[in-house]
Amino acid sequence: MQHAVRWAVGMAAVMVVCLMLRLYRPTEAAPPPVRPPFANAVEQRMEMIKELSAIRQLLKEQNQLLKQQNALLRSLVPDRAGAKQNR
């Protein structure tokens, strides 16, 4: 009889542990905010336009600097085309 009681108590303990493990789920205190899978298209377009405008302005400045550099080099270096024709 005592053996049957021990066996029943042991089985009950195993069942309680299994039930507790089955119910246990690691969860967060608060779920993170849901972000849309894609960014807002209007904001993306506006950002792209702003970036392209900045690139355009930088290219204008770069072209101006290159024109100044070419003018400076032309004034310092003698005309090579005229030197080749004289040969």
Protein backbone atom coordinates (compact mmCIF):
# COMPACT_ATOMS: atom_id res chain seq x y z
CA MET A 1 0.00 0.00 0.00
CA GLN A 2 2.76 2.42 0.89
CA HIS A 3 4.45 1.67 -2.42
CA ALA A 4 1.25 2.63 -4.31
CA VAL A 5 0.98 5.95 -2.43
CA ARG A 6 4.60 6.86 -3.20
CA TRP A 7 4.05 5.94 -6.82
CA ALA A 8 0.88 8.08 -7.02
CA VAL A 9 2.57 11.07 -5.33
CA GLY A 10 5.56 10.74 -7.68
CA MET A 11 3.30 10.61 -10.74
CA ALA A 12 1.34 13.64 -9.48
CA ALA A 13 4.58 15.57 -9.00
CA VAL A 14 5.75 14.67 -12.50
CA MET A 15 2.41 15.74 -13.95
CA VAL A 16 2.54 19.07 -12.10
CA VAL A 17 6.08 19.73 -13.34
CA CYS A 18 5.11 18.82 -16.91
CA LEU A 19 2.05 21.06 -16.72
CA MET A 20 4.13 23.96 -15.41
CA LEU A 21 6.73 23.50 -18.14
CA ARG A 22 4.01 23.30 -20.76
CA LEU A 23 2.44 26.57 -19.62
CA TYR A 24 5.73 28.42 -19.27
CA ARG A 25 6.49 30.75 -22.18
CA PRO A 26 9.19 33.40 -22.17
CA THR A 27 7.47 36.68 -23.00
CA GLU A 28 8.44 40.30 -22.97
CA ALA A 29 6.94 42.73 -20.50
CA ALA A 30 5.68 44.88 -23.35
CA PRO A 31 5.90 43.96 -27.01
CA PRO A 32 8.04 46.27 -29.14
CA PRO A 33 6.14 48.75 -31.28
CA VAL A 34 5.19 47.36 -34.64
CA ARG A 35 7.12 49.00 -37.46
CA PRO A 36 5.75 48.87 -40.98
CA PRO A 37 7.75 46.59 -43.28
CA PHE A 38 8.48 49.48 -45.64
CA ALA A 39 9.22 53.12 -44.97
CA ASN A 40 6.72 55.80 -45.81
CA ALA A 41 6.94 56.29 -49.58
CA VAL A 42 6.24 60.03 -49.44
CA GLU A 43 9.00 60.60 -46.88
CA GLN A 44 11.38 58.48 -48.95
CA ARG A 45 10.67 60.53 -52.07
CA MET A 46 11.16 63.81 -50.24
CA GLU A 47 14.45 62.58 -48.79
CA MET A 48 15.60 61.41 -52.23
CA ILE A 49 14.72 64.79 -53.76
CA LYS A 50 16.62 66.58 -51.01
CA GLU A 51 19.68 64.34 -51.48
CA LEU A 52 19.61 64.73 -55.27
CA SER A 53 19.35 68.51 -54.94
CA ALA A 54 22.40 68.51 -52.66
CA ILE A 55 24.31 66.31 -55.14
CA ARG A 56 23.35 68.64 -57.99
CA GLN A 57 24.64 71.66 -56.07
CA LEU A 58 27.91 69.87 -55.28
CA LEU A 59 28.34 68.93 -58.94
CA LYS A 60 27.85 72.57 -59.96
CA GLU A 61 30.54 73.62 -57.47
CA GLN A 62 32.87 70.87 -58.69
CA ASN A 63 32.39 71.87 -62.33
CA GLN A 64 33.12 75.49 -61.48
CA LEU A 65 36.34 74.49 -59.70
CA LEU A 66 37.38 72.33 -62.66
CA LYS A 67 36.79 75.23 -65.07
CA GLN A 68 38.92 77.50 -62.89
CA GLN A 69 41.65 74.86 -62.69
CA ASN A 70 41.64 74.35 -66.48
CA ALA A 71 41.87 78.11 -67.06
CA LEU A 72 44.79 78.34 -64.65
CA LEU A 73 46.60 75.43 -66.29
CA ARG A 74 46.05 76.90 -69.77
CA SER A 75 47.59 80.17 -68.64
CA LEU A 76 50.66 78.41 -67.14
CA VAL A 77 51.34 75.73 -69.79
CA PRO A 78 52.28 76.83 -73.33
CA ASP A 79 50.04 75.74 -76.14
CA ARG A 80 51.08 72.23 -77.14
CA ALA A 81 49.05 72.20 -80.33
CA GLY A 82 51.07 75.09 -81.75
CA ALA A 83 54.36 73.39 -80.79
CA LYS A 84 53.42 70.19 -82.65
CA GLN A 85 52.51 72.09 -85.82
CA ASN A 86 55.90 73.85 -85.90
CA ARG A 87 57.82 70.55 -86.06
